[in-house]
Each structure stands twice: as structure tokens, then as C-alpha cells.
Amino acid sequence: MNWAQTFRTAFSAIVGHRLRSILTVLGILIGIASVALSVGLAQGTASEVQKQITSLGTNVLTISAGSASSGGVRGGAGSARTLTTGDATALTDRDVAPDIAAVAPVMQSSSVLSEGSANWTTTVIGTTDKWTDVRARTLEAGRFLTPDDVTQASPVIVLGPDTAAELFGNANRALNQTVTIGSDQYTVVGILAPTGSSGMGQSNDDTAVMPWTTMSARISGGATSVSSILVSATSSSTMNLAYQEANATLLARHRLAADAADFTIQSQEALTSAMGSITNTLTMLLGGLAGISLLVGGIGVMNIMLVSVSERVREIGLRKALGAPASTIRAQFLCEAALLALVGGALGMGVAYLGAWLIPSIAAKFTTTSVTMIMRPTVSALALAVSAAVGMVAGVYPASRAARLAPIDALRAE
């Protein structure tokens, strides 16, 4: 019996027991779809995290303040007031830090912005005109902050597109209008271009930016402390030099030893590496959990094949009595198991692709969480290969059992 005949025989056996075959295929379908969707979700999350890190700017170092302690309770990083605008100014000295291209101090506060009857709570950032250079942000309309705005503590503000849309209904209407924070009014001089990425619980497009001097005088009570300082290196090749220069400058200003630093410096590479480790762990966890359902599907295939062997003992005995070798009997049952698994795998991938298309749309409609799923062809091919392997492995024992049956015993079976 050649492989074409083996395939036809296996196919006929599957079609002859439709309900049983459908239930078997369903187990594999659920397993493969679960694995593919889990991996797609993890890869989509990794992609969004990468976009979020990239949106921080190019060749960027983030210097964060240390952690505060009160009553024995220690706050998180950035809760202490260990960085100031003076530190940021010191880092702009090219004699001290020649490999630092731009510096932007960042004050940050959550404030309520209002315009007429509309109001919106967003993150207000106090910084300088270099913020767009460091963050690699562009403007949709108007202008950004100028050095004069910072020097004169001008009551001007630049809105993110989402913030402007919430306050004015349409972001394009916000330019040259005024918004109120507390009892002070600010003129909207610019609208940031959307970045199209969000993550870590905060959208890059939902923000408001003003001169740090204005924020200090009107919102922060004259404080000059900042939560972080953004530093961009002159190029990717000078990132390490910029790191060392920033670290040495701040240690000298704070009069601290290297092991007692009251600040931390993170590079994009460190963030990418850390988040990559997290997403890889997430992928393994989700894939492992989904793999359990695939294992259950494989056990289902094995169970069905054992039932099939038991039901077809006389058929097996007749074939062997007519001269069919054990390898032919084994190949027939392995082919049946592989066909069931492959059909289940193909349908499972179809369900996975449908889910990858529907789930983000449903999440966007009913929640505020952005869900991204990435289905890669290599993963799809691997999933199909795994489903076939599951079928083959699950069919080995039933096929071997069928091949070992003695013809006379099989023909006597009732």
C-alpha cells in the first residue's frame, strides 16, 4: 500500500466517524488557537512597549530623582526632591558634558484644565524649549515654547492632541484659545502632533506642556525641584560617554560618592532590555498556560485513536492476514492522527487570526485599554507543525498497538 492509498484509507476512516472526528478536531483547534492568540498578544504588547520607549526620543538618558522616606515608609523613585533645574543647567555646559546634545528638565503634576463648561484632568509638564528636541516630538499646529517663554515665565501652554480634543471638541479649534488651571489662564500656542502610541497607563497624546518657570510660579509654589531630567546624547555611539558625564556632574554637584547617588540614570537600551525580559516571561507564561489546552487536545486524539483501534480489530486482523505488514498498519493510524491534528491546527489558526482582528476592536469599543495583537507567519507555520507533531505523538501508541496485533487474535475478536 503506497502513501496515497494510506491517506485515502485514513481519510475514509475519519469521515466515517464524523461526530467523533469533529470533537477531536475541536480539542486541537482550541489548543492551537489559545497558543497562537497568547503569543500574538505577548508580541503585540512587546511591540507597543518598544514604541513607547522609542517615543521618549532618540539617544535619550532619563535621570530620575531618588526616593523619599517619611515615617519609615519609603516612596518610589522620583518621590524625593534631589534634582533641580540647576542640575539641568549644569548639564548643558559643553565644557563639562561635551557629549550631551540637549537637556530638558521635567516638572510634572496632575491638574484639571477647563475651558468654558468643559474640563479635563491631565498631566501637566513644566520644561524648556529643548523638550521637543529630546523627546523627538513635532507640532501639528502653532509653535512650541521659546527661550523667552521660559525666561519670562509666560502664561502659555502647548496641548497634546487628545487633551485639546477633550476640551475643545476638535484639536484644531484649540490654537490661540485659553484654558484655565486653578485661577490662572493660559494661552494655547501649539498643538503636539499625535505619536500614535500609548502605554504604561498614560497616553503620550494626553498632556499639556508649559515653561517650567511658569509652572514653578503658578502651580508648584516656587519650587525648582524636578522629577526627572531628560538628556540626549550627540549620537548613539556617545551614549556611554554622555552617561558618564551626566553621572560625574551630578555626583559633584550633590557632593556624593558613586555608591551614595541620590538619582538614577536609565538609558533606552536598559529600558528595552528590562521590558524585553518582562515580555519574554509573559510570552512563556501565556504560551505555557495555553499549551495545557493543546496537551488536552493531544490526549483527546490519543483517546479517539485507541477507540478506533478497538473498534477496528477485525479489520486490522483481516489486513494482516492478507499480507499487510505492521509498518502499513502503523502508517495508517499515524496518518489518521496527523490528519485530525492538522485539520484542527489549520482551523485553530483561522480562529486565531479572526480573534486577532476582533479582540482589539472589541477592547477599543468597551474599554479604554489599547490591545495590539501581532500574528507572524513564522508563528503560524510553527503552530501547524506543532499540531501535526501532537497528532503524530498522540498516534504513536495506538498505531503501535494496532501493528502488534496478531492476525489470528484479531480475526477471533468480537
Protein backbone atom coordinates (compact mmCIF):
# COMPACT_ATOMS: atom_id res chain seq x y z
CA MET A 1 0.00 0.00 0.00
CA ASN A 2 1.51 3.34 -1.06
CA TRP A 3 1.14 6.65 0.76
CA ALA A 4 -1.75 7.81 -1.47
CA GLN A 5 -3.74 4.71 -0.57
CA THR A 6 -2.80 5.12 3.08
CA PHE A 7 -4.05 8.71 3.01
CA ARG A 8 -7.33 7.73 1.32
CA THR A 9 -7.93 4.96 3.85
CA ALA A 10 -7.22 7.30 6.77
CA PHE A 11 -9.49 9.98 5.31
CA SER A 12 -12.32 7.47 4.82
CA ALA A 13 -11.98 6.33 8.45
CA ILE A 14 -12.18 9.94 9.67
CA VAL A 15 -15.22 10.77 7.51
CA GLY A 16 -16.90 7.55 8.59
CA HIS A 17 -16.96 8.78 12.21
CA ARG A 18 -17.87 12.44 11.70
CA LEU A 19 -19.04 13.40 15.17
CA ARG A 20 -16.10 11.75 16.87
CA SER A 21 -13.67 13.36 14.43
CA ILE A 22 -15.27 16.80 14.87
CA LEU A 23 -14.93 16.61 18.66
CA THR A 24 -11.31 15.52 18.32
CA VAL A 25 -10.55 18.34 15.90
CA LEU A 26 -12.26 20.79 18.28
CA GLY A 27 -9.81 19.92 21.06
CA ILE A 28 -6.82 20.62 18.81
CA LEU A 29 -8.49 23.78 17.44
CA ILE A 30 -8.94 25.25 20.93
CA GLY A 31 -5.36 24.40 21.88
CA ILE A 32 -3.74 25.88 18.77
CA ALA A 33 -5.96 28.99 18.82
CA SER A 34 -5.13 29.58 22.50
CA VAL A 35 -1.39 29.26 21.92
CA ALA A 36 -1.42 31.49 18.81
CA LEU A 37 -3.55 34.20 20.46
CA SER A 38 -1.44 34.16 23.62
CA VAL A 39 1.80 34.53 21.68
CA GLY A 40 0.21 37.19 19.44
CA LEU A 41 -0.91 39.18 22.49
CA ALA A 42 2.53 38.94 24.09
CA GLN A 43 4.26 40.03 20.87
CA GLY A 44 1.80 42.88 20.41
CA THR A 45 2.47 44.03 23.96
CA ALA A 46 6.22 43.88 23.34
CA SER A 47 5.79 45.94 20.16
CA GLU A 48 3.76 48.59 21.99
CA VAL A 49 6.32 48.79 24.78
CA GLN A 50 9.08 49.24 22.20
CA LYS A 51 7.10 52.05 20.55
CA GLN A 52 6.59 53.68 23.93
CA ILE A 53 10.31 53.58 24.69
CA THR A 54 11.15 54.87 21.22
CA SER A 55 8.66 57.72 21.66
CA LEU A 56 10.79 59.01 24.55
CA GLY A 57 13.21 60.26 21.91
CA THR A 58 16.44 59.11 20.32
CA ASN A 59 19.68 58.51 22.24
CA VAL A 60 17.93 59.56 25.43
CA LEU A 61 19.04 59.17 29.03
CA THR A 62 16.42 59.62 31.73
CA ILE A 63 17.74 60.92 35.04
CA SER A 64 15.25 60.31 37.85
CA ALA A 65 15.26 61.70 41.36
CA GLY A 66 15.78 59.39 44.32
CA SER A 67 13.14 58.02 46.67
CA ALA A 68 11.81 59.85 49.71
CA SER A 69 11.27 58.33 53.15
CA SER A 70 8.69 59.54 55.66
CA GLY A 71 7.80 57.88 58.94
CA GLY A 72 9.69 54.78 57.95
CA VAL A 73 7.71 54.48 54.73
CA ARG A 74 9.83 54.73 51.61
CA GLY A 75 8.36 56.20 48.44
CA GLY A 76 9.13 55.20 44.89
CA ALA A 77 11.88 56.52 42.65
CA GLY A 78 11.29 60.18 41.81
CA SER A 79 9.48 60.94 45.07
CA ALA A 80 12.45 62.82 46.59
CA ARG A 81 13.43 66.35 45.58
CA THR A 82 17.03 65.57 44.76
CA LEU A 83 17.11 67.03 41.23
CA THR A 84 16.71 70.69 40.41
CA THR A 85 16.63 72.95 37.39
CA GLY A 86 20.15 73.96 38.40
CA ASP A 87 21.28 70.40 37.79
CA ALA A 88 19.76 70.55 34.32
CA THR A 89 21.53 73.84 33.61
CA ALA A 90 24.86 72.35 34.71
CA LEU A 91 24.45 69.51 32.22
CA THR A 92 24.12 71.98 29.34
CA ASP A 93 27.74 73.15 29.85
CA ARG A 94 29.60 71.73 26.83
CA ASP A 95 32.92 72.05 28.65
CA VAL A 96 31.62 69.72 31.38
CA ALA A 97 29.50 67.43 29.19
CA PRO A 98 30.62 67.68 25.54
CA ASP A 99 28.71 64.54 24.52
CA ILE A 100 25.33 65.81 25.72
CA ALA A 101 23.37 67.46 22.89
CA ALA A 102 20.25 68.70 24.70
CA VAL A 103 18.81 68.77 28.20
CA ALA A 104 15.19 69.14 29.30
CA PRO A 105 14.19 69.29 32.98
CA VAL A 106 10.74 67.90 33.69
CA MET A 107 8.36 69.09 36.38
CA GLN A 108 5.19 67.06 36.46
CA SER A 109 1.79 67.47 38.05
CA SER A 110 -1.74 66.21 37.52
CA SER A 111 -4.03 69.20 37.05
CA VAL A 112 -7.56 69.98 35.93
CA LEU A 113 -7.76 72.07 32.76
CA SER A 114 -11.03 73.81 31.96
CA GLU A 115 -12.46 75.73 29.04
CA GLY A 116 -15.96 77.04 29.41
CA SER A 117 -18.10 74.17 30.71
CA ALA A 118 -15.57 71.52 29.65
CA ASN A 119 -12.86 70.25 31.96
CA TRP A 120 -10.24 67.54 31.73
CA THR A 121 -7.62 66.14 34.11
CA THR A 122 -4.25 65.56 32.51
CA THR A 123 -0.53 65.51 33.21
CA VAL A 124 0.98 69.00 33.09
CA ILE A 125 4.69 69.11 32.29
CA GLY A 126 6.93 72.05 33.08
CA THR A 127 10.05 72.10 30.91
CA THR A 128 12.10 74.16 28.45
CA ASP A 129 12.18 74.73 24.71
CA LYS A 130 14.54 71.72 24.35
CA TRP A 131 11.82 69.21 25.32
CA THR A 132 10.72 68.57 21.74
CA ASP A 133 14.33 68.01 20.66
CA VAL A 134 14.95 65.44 23.37
CA ARG A 135 11.57 63.72 23.05
CA ALA A 136 11.61 63.88 19.23
CA ARG A 137 8.11 65.38 19.23
CA THR A 138 6.70 67.57 16.47
CA LEU A 139 3.84 70.04 16.29
CA GLU A 140 0.55 69.64 14.49
CA ALA A 141 -0.18 73.38 14.66
CA GLY A 142 1.23 76.55 16.19
CA ARG A 143 4.58 76.70 17.92
CA PHE A 144 6.37 75.22 20.90
CA LEU A 145 7.85 77.01 23.87
CA THR A 146 10.61 79.54 23.23
CA PRO A 147 13.57 80.55 25.40
CA ASP A 148 11.77 83.87 26.04
CA ASP A 149 8.71 81.98 27.31
CA VAL A 150 10.94 80.23 29.84
CA THR A 151 12.85 83.36 30.85
CA GLN A 152 9.69 85.48 31.25
CA ALA A 153 7.53 82.71 32.78
CA SER A 154 4.94 83.38 30.08
CA PRO A 155 1.38 82.03 30.67
CA VAL A 156 1.45 79.86 27.55
CA ILE A 157 0.71 76.18 27.10
CA VAL A 158 1.06 73.51 24.41
CA LEU A 159 -1.59 70.80 24.41
CA GLY A 160 -1.46 67.20 23.31
CA PRO A 161 -4.00 66.36 20.59
CA ASP A 162 -6.15 64.23 22.89
CA THR A 163 -6.24 66.91 25.57
CA ALA A 164 -7.16 69.59 23.04
CA ALA A 165 -9.93 67.41 21.62
CA GLU A 166 -11.40 66.77 25.07
CA LEU A 167 -11.51 70.48 25.90
CA PHE A 168 -12.48 71.96 22.53
CA GLY A 169 -14.21 69.07 20.77
CA ASN A 170 -11.70 69.34 17.94
CA ALA A 171 -7.96 69.77 18.42
CA ASN A 172 -7.77 72.30 15.57
CA ARG A 173 -10.04 74.71 17.47
CA ALA A 174 -7.72 74.95 20.46
CA LEU A 175 -4.98 77.09 18.91
CA ASN A 176 -4.87 80.65 20.32
CA GLN A 177 -7.68 79.88 22.77
CA THR A 178 -7.28 79.98 26.55
CA VAL A 179 -7.53 77.26 29.17
CA THR A 180 -7.79 77.66 32.93
CA ILE A 181 -5.78 75.84 35.59
CA GLY A 182 -6.88 76.86 39.05
CA SER A 183 -7.48 80.61 38.83
CA ASP A 184 -4.91 81.26 36.09
CA GLN A 185 -5.46 81.39 32.35
CA TYR A 186 -3.01 80.16 29.75
CA THR A 187 -2.92 80.80 26.02
CA VAL A 188 -2.72 77.72 23.81
CA VAL A 189 0.18 78.43 21.45
CA GLY A 190 0.64 74.98 19.95
CA ILE A 191 -0.80 71.51 19.45
CA LEU A 192 1.52 68.50 19.56
CA ALA A 193 1.39 66.02 16.69
CA PRO A 194 -0.02 62.63 17.71
CA THR A 195 2.51 59.89 18.33
CA GLY A 196 0.08 57.03 17.84
CA SER A 197 1.48 55.11 20.80
CA SER A 198 0.44 54.79 24.37
CA GLY A 199 1.44 52.59 27.23
CA MET A 200 2.29 52.38 30.91
CA GLY A 201 -1.15 53.75 31.70
CA GLN A 202 -0.58 57.19 30.15
CA SER A 203 -1.08 58.33 26.58
CA ASN A 204 1.65 60.45 25.07
CA ASP A 205 -1.09 62.48 23.34
CA ASP A 206 -2.89 63.37 26.57
CA THR A 207 -0.63 66.01 28.11
CA ALA A 208 -0.06 69.73 28.49
CA VAL A 209 3.36 71.42 28.37
CA MET A 210 4.30 74.84 29.76
CA PRO A 211 7.53 76.63 30.73
CA TRP A 212 8.95 75.28 33.96
CA THR A 213 9.26 78.80 35.29
CA THR A 214 5.54 79.34 34.76
CA MET A 215 4.69 76.05 36.44
CA SER A 216 7.01 76.85 39.34
CA ALA A 217 5.47 80.29 39.91
CA ARG A 218 1.80 79.42 39.38
CA ILE A 219 1.38 75.74 40.25
CA SER A 220 4.34 74.45 42.30
CA GLY A 221 4.68 77.32 44.75
CA GLY A 222 8.08 78.47 43.55
CA ALA A 223 9.72 75.04 43.70
CA THR A 224 12.73 74.40 41.48
CA SER A 225 12.91 70.66 42.03
CA VAL A 226 12.15 68.39 39.08
CA SER A 227 11.01 64.78 38.89
CA SER A 228 13.42 63.95 36.08
CA ILE A 229 15.89 65.36 33.60
CA LEU A 230 15.88 64.16 30.01
CA VAL A 231 19.27 64.13 28.31
CA SER A 232 20.00 63.33 24.68
CA ALA A 233 23.47 62.25 23.59
CA THR A 234 25.10 63.66 20.47
CA SER A 235 24.82 60.21 18.83
CA SER A 236 24.15 56.58 19.66
CA SER A 237 27.90 55.96 19.82
CA THR A 238 28.36 58.55 22.58
CA MET A 239 25.59 57.26 24.86
CA ASN A 240 28.07 55.76 27.33
CA LEU A 241 30.15 58.95 27.39
CA ALA A 242 27.04 61.08 27.95
CA TYR A 243 26.03 58.73 30.77
CA GLN A 244 29.40 59.06 32.47
CA GLU A 245 29.46 62.85 32.06
CA ALA A 246 25.95 63.25 33.49
CA ASN A 247 26.71 60.91 36.38
CA ALA A 248 30.00 62.65 37.26
CA THR A 249 28.48 66.14 37.01
CA LEU A 250 25.54 65.34 39.29
CA LEU A 251 27.67 63.49 41.84
CA ALA A 252 29.99 66.50 42.01
CA ARG A 253 27.09 68.96 42.37
CA HIS A 254 25.44 66.86 45.08
CA ARG A 255 28.80 66.14 46.76
CA LEU A 256 28.14 62.44 46.91
CA ALA A 257 30.18 59.29 46.37
CA ALA A 258 29.21 57.00 43.49
CA ASP A 259 27.70 54.40 45.86
CA ALA A 260 25.51 57.03 47.55
CA ALA A 261 23.93 58.63 44.47
CA ASP A 262 20.51 60.16 45.11
CA PHE A 263 19.45 59.76 41.49
CA THR A 264 19.31 57.06 38.86
CA ILE A 265 20.17 57.22 35.16
CA GLN A 266 18.46 54.91 32.69
CA SER A 267 19.18 54.54 29.01
CA GLN A 268 16.83 53.34 26.30
CA GLU A 269 18.86 50.16 25.98
CA ALA A 270 18.35 49.40 29.67
CA LEU A 271 14.62 50.06 29.41
CA THR A 272 14.36 47.96 26.26
CA SER A 273 16.28 45.11 27.87
CA ALA A 274 14.20 45.21 31.05
CA MET A 275 10.89 45.36 29.22
CA GLY A 276 12.09 42.67 26.81
CA SER A 277 12.73 40.34 29.73
CA ILE A 278 9.27 41.05 31.11
CA THR A 279 7.52 40.47 27.79
CA ASN A 280 9.53 37.28 27.16
CA THR A 281 8.44 35.99 30.56
CA LEU A 282 4.86 36.98 29.73
CA THR A 283 5.09 35.13 26.41
CA MET A 284 6.37 31.98 28.10
CA LEU A 285 3.72 32.17 30.81
CA LEU A 286 0.82 32.70 28.42
CA GLY A 287 2.19 30.15 25.96
CA GLY A 288 2.60 27.60 28.76
CA LEU A 289 -0.93 28.10 30.02
CA ALA A 290 -2.34 27.83 26.50
CA GLY A 291 -0.13 24.82 25.84
CA ILE A 292 -2.05 22.94 28.53
CA SER A 293 -5.17 23.08 26.36
CA LEU A 294 -3.10 21.79 23.42
CA LEU A 295 -1.90 18.91 25.60
CA VAL A 296 -5.52 18.12 26.46
CA GLY A 297 -6.31 18.14 22.75
CA GLY A 298 -3.45 15.71 22.12
CA ILE A 299 -4.74 13.38 24.82
CA GLY A 300 -8.13 13.55 23.10
CA VAL A 301 -6.54 12.47 19.81
CA MET A 302 -4.83 9.55 21.53
CA ASN A 303 -8.07 8.51 23.21
CA ILE A 304 -10.00 8.60 19.94
CA MET A 305 -7.30 6.63 18.14
CA LEU A 306 -7.34 3.97 20.87
CA VAL A 307 -11.11 3.71 20.49
CA SER A 308 -10.64 3.45 16.73
CA VAL A 309 -8.14 0.62 17.14
CA SER A 310 -10.52 -1.23 19.48
CA GLU A 311 -13.42 -0.87 17.04
CA ARG A 312 -11.41 -1.99 14.03
CA VAL A 313 -9.63 -5.03 15.42
CA ARG A 314 -11.21 -7.39 12.88
CA GLU A 315 -10.33 -5.01 10.03
CA ILE A 316 -6.72 -4.93 11.24
CA GLY A 317 -6.64 -8.72 11.53
CA LEU A 318 -8.02 -9.13 8.01
CA ARG A 319 -5.45 -6.72 6.56
CA LYS A 320 -2.60 -8.51 8.30
CA ALA A 321 -3.93 -11.91 7.23
CA LEU A 322 -3.94 -10.67 3.63
CA GLY A 323 -0.28 -9.75 3.96
CA ALA A 324 -0.28 -6.13 5.16
CA PRO A 325 2.96 -5.55 7.10
CA ALA A 326 2.98 -3.98 10.56
CA SER A 327 4.51 -0.80 9.12
CA THR A 328 1.48 -0.31 6.84
CA ILE A 329 -0.96 -0.67 9.74
CA ARG A 330 1.15 1.71 11.82
CA ALA A 331 1.34 4.26 9.00
CA GLN A 332 -2.46 4.18 8.53
CA PHE A 333 -3.23 5.07 12.14
CA LEU A 334 -0.44 7.64 12.34
CA CYS A 335 -1.83 9.25 9.18
CA GLU A 336 -5.30 9.42 10.74
CA ALA A 337 -3.92 11.07 13.89
CA ALA A 338 -1.83 13.55 11.89
CA LEU A 339 -4.80 14.45 9.65
CA LEU A 340 -7.02 15.14 12.65
CA ALA A 341 -4.33 17.31 14.25
CA LEU A 342 -3.52 19.20 11.03
CA VAL A 343 -7.18 19.99 10.34
CA GLY A 344 -7.59 21.12 13.94
CA GLY A 345 -4.39 23.19 13.70
CA ALA A 346 -5.45 24.88 10.45
CA LEU A 347 -8.90 25.72 11.82
CA GLY A 348 -7.29 26.87 15.07
CA MET A 349 -5.04 29.30 13.20
CA GLY A 350 -8.08 30.57 11.31
CA VAL A 351 -9.84 31.22 14.62
CA ALA A 352 -6.67 32.88 15.96
CA TYR A 353 -6.43 35.28 13.02
CA LEU A 354 -10.14 36.10 13.39
CA GLY A 355 -9.61 36.71 17.10
CA ALA A 356 -6.57 38.91 16.43
CA TRP A 357 -8.80 41.05 14.21
CA LEU A 358 -11.81 41.16 16.54
CA ILE A 359 -10.25 41.42 20.01
CA PRO A 360 -8.57 44.86 19.52
CA SER A 361 -11.81 46.24 18.06
CA ILE A 362 -13.89 44.88 20.93
CA ALA A 363 -11.38 46.13 23.52
CA ALA A 364 -11.37 49.60 21.95
CA LYS A 365 -15.18 49.68 21.97
CA PHE A 366 -15.81 48.56 25.54
CA THR A 367 -12.63 49.59 27.39
CA THR A 368 -10.06 52.38 27.40
CA THR A 369 -7.22 49.87 27.06
CA SER A 370 -5.44 49.60 23.75
CA VAL A 371 -4.85 45.98 22.74
CA THR A 372 -2.40 45.08 19.98
CA MET A 373 -2.01 41.57 18.62
CA ILE A 374 0.65 40.53 16.13
CA MET A 375 0.26 37.28 14.20
CA ARG A 376 3.52 36.40 12.49
CA PRO A 377 3.65 33.88 9.59
CA THR A 378 6.54 32.08 11.26
CA VAL A 379 4.46 31.55 14.41
CA SER A 380 1.55 30.29 12.28
CA ALA A 381 3.80 27.80 10.49
CA LEU A 382 5.28 26.68 13.80
CA ALA A 383 1.79 26.23 15.28
CA LEU A 384 0.77 24.00 12.38
CA ALA A 385 3.97 21.99 12.75
CA VAL A 386 3.30 21.61 16.48
CA SER A 387 -0.27 20.45 15.82
CA ALA A 388 1.00 17.82 13.37
CA ALA A 389 3.63 16.74 15.88
CA VAL A 390 1.00 16.47 18.60
CA GLY A 391 -1.08 14.26 16.32
CA MET A 392 1.89 12.06 15.45
CA VAL A 393 2.97 11.69 19.08
CA ALA A 394 -0.60 11.03 20.21
CA GLY A 395 -1.00 8.41 17.47
CA VAL A 396 2.23 6.50 18.11
CA TYR A 397 0.91 4.29 20.90
CA PRO A 398 -2.45 3.44 19.26
CA ALA A 399 -0.68 2.81 15.93
CA SER A 400 1.94 0.58 17.58
CA ARG A 401 -0.78 -1.29 19.43
CA ALA A 402 -2.64 -1.89 16.19
CA ALA A 403 0.56 -3.02 14.43
CA ARG A 404 1.35 -5.55 17.21
CA LEU A 405 -2.00 -7.34 16.98
CA ALA A 406 -1.62 -10.97 15.91
CA PRO A 407 -3.81 -11.72 12.84
CA ILE A 408 -5.45 -14.80 14.38
CA ASP A 409 -6.31 -12.99 17.64
CA ALA A 410 -7.68 -10.02 15.71
CA LEU A 411 -9.89 -12.21 13.50
CA ARG A 412 -11.30 -14.00 16.56
CA ALA A 413 -12.22 -10.69 18.23
CA GLU A 414 -15.90 -9.88 18.54
